[in-house]
Structure formats: C-alpha cells, structure tokens
Amino acid sequence: MLTLSLDNPQKRMKQSPSYHVMFATLADAAAISQLICSNTDQVTANAYSDAQKEAWKKANTPASIRKQMELRQILCCSEESVLVGVIGLKDQEVVGLYVHPDHLRKGIGQYLLVQLEEYARDTGLLDLFLFATPAGYPFYLRNGYQPIEEEDVIVNEVVFRETKMHKRLI
C-alpha cells in the first residue's frame, strides 16, 4: 500500500471529488519511489530493456527522491490517502509523471498534468518543456505538447531515447 503523509494540509491543491492533489513532503519519498518502481516494472515493461529499468529504479530510490525534492516541486495525487499518481516541476521542465498501474486510464495523469500547468501558470511560467518516453509521447501530444527533437537522456550511464516537447501556457 502506498500511503501518503497528510501532515501538510495547507499545501493541498484544488481537489476533484475523488482525488486529492498536494505538494509532496519528505515523508512521502518512500511511497513515491515505490510508485515509480511499480510503474517501471509494469507499465513500461515492454518499452525498456532490463538495464534501462534497473537504471531508472536505481535513480528513484527513497533517498534519491528526497534529494530531488530539494530541486523541484512534486505533486502527489491520492485517493483515500493512497498514492495513485505523482508529477514534478523543475524550473520549466515537467518531470516524472507516473500513475500507479492499478489506476491507469482513470484520468489521473491528465488531472495531475492540468494541476501542474495551473501551478506553473500561477508562478509566472509561460512555457513548459519535458522529455517524453516513447510510451508517454501520445499522451503529451494529446495534451498540447509539441515535439522539438529527439534526444538521448543518460541515467546511471544507461541511454534512454526520448522526445523533447514544449507547450506554451496561455
């Protein structure tokens, strides 16, 4: 069970009837790491080699997540205090959109993306960028992101081919 720390209610975002979005705290790092690893094993299982999956999981341990929180804002989406999705923003870059495999195709990813875009707009950002995985590319295209170029992203000395994308926030 991916249980969130709800000790920071003043940092909650706009809510949907069934999902709650809030800024992550350091206490959420283990649940976020577990969600990312579950997603990596189950959702992207056919899209990546074993070396890529292991490199990605190694880059997203609870300790790594805590360190990442120093450099980015992370939003968590929960249903009845159970973590079902996560997304981050580092400067102008959308990073780490994950939905738990048991909660796919329920609109959680789009809901998180919209919440993040509203937050970015409220902080004065006019443009967002991201690196889309092959599996995520169609999702981001449907949500208004346009491809710029393909790039190799290196994580723990392992290459991932991703598409850099952009969206103008208007």
Protein backbone atom coordinates (compact mmCIF):
# COMPACT_ATOMS: atom_id res chain seq x y z
CA MET A 1 0.00 0.00 0.00
CA LEU A 2 1.38 3.40 -0.97
CA THR A 3 0.27 5.58 1.93
CA LEU A 4 0.93 9.29 1.84
CA SER A 5 1.85 11.57 4.67
CA LEU A 6 -1.01 14.04 5.02
CA ASP A 7 0.70 16.23 7.58
CA ASN A 8 0.84 19.24 5.27
CA PRO A 9 -2.81 20.15 4.56
CA GLN A 10 -2.07 23.82 3.87
CA LYS A 11 -0.20 22.77 0.72
CA ARG A 12 -3.15 20.97 -0.88
CA MET A 13 -4.10 21.91 -4.42
CA LYS A 14 -7.58 22.15 -5.99
CA GLN A 15 -9.43 18.92 -5.45
CA SER A 16 -11.58 16.68 -7.60
CA PRO A 17 -14.44 14.77 -5.97
CA SER A 18 -12.39 11.58 -5.65
CA TYR A 19 -8.72 12.65 -5.85
CA HIS A 20 -6.65 14.93 -3.68
CA VAL A 21 -3.54 16.66 -5.00
CA MET A 22 -0.96 18.14 -2.65
CA PHE A 23 2.71 19.02 -2.60
CA ALA A 24 4.87 16.09 -1.54
CA THR A 25 6.78 16.16 1.72
CA LEU A 26 9.96 14.30 2.61
CA ALA A 27 7.78 11.75 4.40
CA ASP A 28 6.26 10.81 1.00
CA ALA A 29 9.57 9.79 -0.59
CA ALA A 30 9.22 6.04 0.04
CA ALA A 31 5.68 5.91 -1.37
CA ILE A 32 6.77 7.93 -4.43
CA SER A 33 9.74 5.62 -5.00
CA GLN A 34 7.51 2.55 -4.70
CA LEU A 35 5.01 4.00 -7.19
CA ILE A 36 7.78 4.78 -9.72
CA CYS A 37 9.24 1.28 -9.39
CA SER A 38 5.81 -0.34 -9.81
CA ASN A 39 5.19 1.79 -12.87
CA THR A 40 8.62 0.93 -14.29
CA ASP A 41 8.08 -2.81 -13.79
CA GLN A 42 4.50 -3.00 -15.03
CA VAL A 43 3.68 -0.09 -17.34
CA THR A 44 6.95 0.29 -19.24
CA ALA A 45 7.95 -3.38 -19.06
CA ASN A 46 7.88 -3.87 -22.83
CA ALA A 47 9.26 -0.43 -23.73
CA TYR A 48 12.63 -0.67 -21.99
CA SER A 49 15.47 -3.13 -21.62
CA ASP A 50 16.24 -4.69 -18.25
CA ALA A 51 19.29 -2.40 -17.97
CA GLN A 52 17.12 0.67 -18.56
CA LYS A 53 14.53 -0.43 -15.99
CA GLU A 54 17.18 -1.12 -13.37
CA ALA A 55 18.94 2.21 -14.04
CA TRP A 56 15.64 4.06 -13.67
CA LYS A 57 14.72 2.32 -10.42
CA LYS A 58 18.23 2.97 -9.06
CA ALA A 59 17.76 6.68 -9.84
CA ASN A 60 14.46 6.77 -7.93
CA THR A 61 15.16 5.27 -4.51
CA PRO A 62 13.58 6.98 -1.47
CA ALA A 63 16.92 8.72 -0.79
CA SER A 64 17.11 9.92 -4.40
CA ILE A 65 13.53 11.18 -4.25
CA ARG A 66 14.30 13.16 -1.09
CA LYS A 67 17.30 14.72 -2.85
CA GLN A 68 15.17 15.52 -5.92
CA MET A 69 12.66 17.31 -3.68
CA GLU A 70 15.33 19.91 -2.94
CA LEU A 71 15.38 20.86 -6.63
CA ARG A 72 11.75 20.53 -7.71
CA GLN A 73 8.14 20.74 -6.69
CA ILE A 74 6.43 17.34 -6.60
CA LEU A 75 2.67 16.95 -6.60
CA CYS A 76 1.06 13.77 -5.30
CA CYS A 77 -2.40 12.56 -6.16
CA SER A 78 -4.11 10.37 -3.60
CA GLU A 79 -7.36 8.52 -3.30
CA GLU A 80 -8.34 7.81 0.31
CA SER A 81 -4.75 8.59 1.45
CA VAL A 82 -3.28 6.08 -1.03
CA LEU A 83 -0.80 7.45 -3.57
CA VAL A 84 -2.12 6.90 -7.10
CA GLY A 85 -0.06 9.41 -9.11
CA VAL A 86 2.82 11.84 -8.99
CA ILE A 87 4.27 14.61 -11.16
CA GLY A 88 7.09 17.12 -10.73
CA LEU A 89 8.23 20.53 -11.93
CA LYS A 90 11.87 21.58 -12.06
CA ASP A 91 12.22 25.14 -13.29
CA GLN A 92 10.29 24.97 -16.61
CA GLU A 93 10.51 21.20 -17.01
CA VAL A 94 7.74 18.72 -16.28
CA VAL A 95 9.41 15.69 -14.70
CA GLY A 96 8.24 12.33 -13.51
CA LEU A 97 4.56 11.82 -14.33
CA TYR A 98 3.62 8.39 -13.01
CA VAL A 99 0.29 6.73 -12.32
CA HIS A 100 0.06 3.55 -10.30
CA PRO A 101 -0.60 0.57 -12.62
CA ASP A 102 -3.86 -0.26 -10.79
CA HIS A 103 -5.19 3.24 -11.50
CA LEU A 104 -4.40 3.70 -15.19
CA ARG A 105 -7.00 5.02 -17.65
CA LYS A 106 -8.95 6.90 -14.97
CA GLY A 107 -7.82 10.41 -15.94
CA ILE A 108 -5.32 10.75 -13.09
CA GLY A 109 -2.36 11.57 -15.35
CA GLN A 110 -4.30 14.28 -17.16
CA TYR A 111 -5.64 15.65 -13.87
CA LEU A 112 -2.11 15.87 -12.45
CA LEU A 113 -0.78 17.50 -15.62
CA VAL A 114 -3.55 20.14 -15.58
CA GLN A 115 -2.89 20.85 -11.87
CA LEU A 116 0.83 21.23 -12.56
CA GLU A 117 0.20 23.53 -15.52
CA GLU A 118 -2.10 25.71 -13.40
CA TYR A 119 0.56 25.88 -10.69
CA ALA A 120 3.22 26.77 -13.28
CA ARG A 121 0.99 29.49 -14.74
CA ASP A 122 0.28 30.87 -11.25
CA THR A 123 4.02 31.13 -10.59
CA GLY A 124 4.52 33.13 -13.80
CA LEU A 125 5.79 30.46 -16.16
CA LEU A 126 4.77 30.90 -19.79
CA ASP A 127 6.33 27.76 -21.27
CA LEU A 128 6.82 24.18 -20.14
CA PHE A 129 9.19 21.56 -21.52
CA LEU A 130 9.52 17.83 -20.95
CA PHE A 131 11.24 14.71 -22.20
CA ALA A 132 8.60 12.20 -23.27
CA THR A 133 9.24 8.49 -23.22
CA PRO A 134 8.01 6.55 -26.25
CA ALA A 135 5.07 5.33 -24.12
CA GLY A 136 4.23 8.84 -22.87
CA TYR A 137 4.62 10.66 -26.19
CA PRO A 138 1.00 10.19 -27.43
CA PHE A 139 -0.37 11.33 -24.04
CA TYR A 140 1.61 14.57 -24.10
CA LEU A 141 0.74 15.19 -27.75
CA ARG A 142 -2.99 14.87 -26.88
CA ASN A 143 -2.43 17.38 -24.08
CA GLY A 144 -0.99 20.11 -26.28
CA TYR A 145 2.76 19.44 -26.12
CA GLN A 146 4.62 19.73 -29.40
CA PRO A 147 7.77 17.79 -30.28
CA ILE A 148 11.02 19.71 -30.61
CA GLU A 149 13.61 16.98 -31.14
CA GLU A 150 14.66 13.51 -30.09
CA GLU A 151 17.46 13.34 -27.55
CA ASP A 152 19.41 10.73 -25.66
CA VAL A 153 18.93 11.06 -21.91
CA ILE A 154 21.55 9.28 -19.80
CA VAL A 155 20.60 7.88 -16.39
CA ASN A 156 23.20 5.94 -14.42
CA GLU A 157 25.26 5.50 -17.59
CA VAL A 158 22.30 3.99 -19.48
CA VAL A 159 20.87 5.72 -22.57
CA PHE A 160 17.15 6.44 -22.94
CA ARG A 161 15.87 7.82 -26.26
CA GLU A 162 13.20 10.44 -25.52
CA THR A 163 11.45 13.30 -27.29
CA LYS A 164 11.87 16.84 -26.01
CA MET A 165 8.49 18.58 -26.11
CA HIS A 166 7.13 22.08 -25.44
CA LYS A 167 3.84 23.70 -24.52
CA ARG A 168 3.05 27.39 -24.38
CA LEU A 169 0.87 28.16 -21.38
CA ILE A 170 -1.76 30.67 -22.45
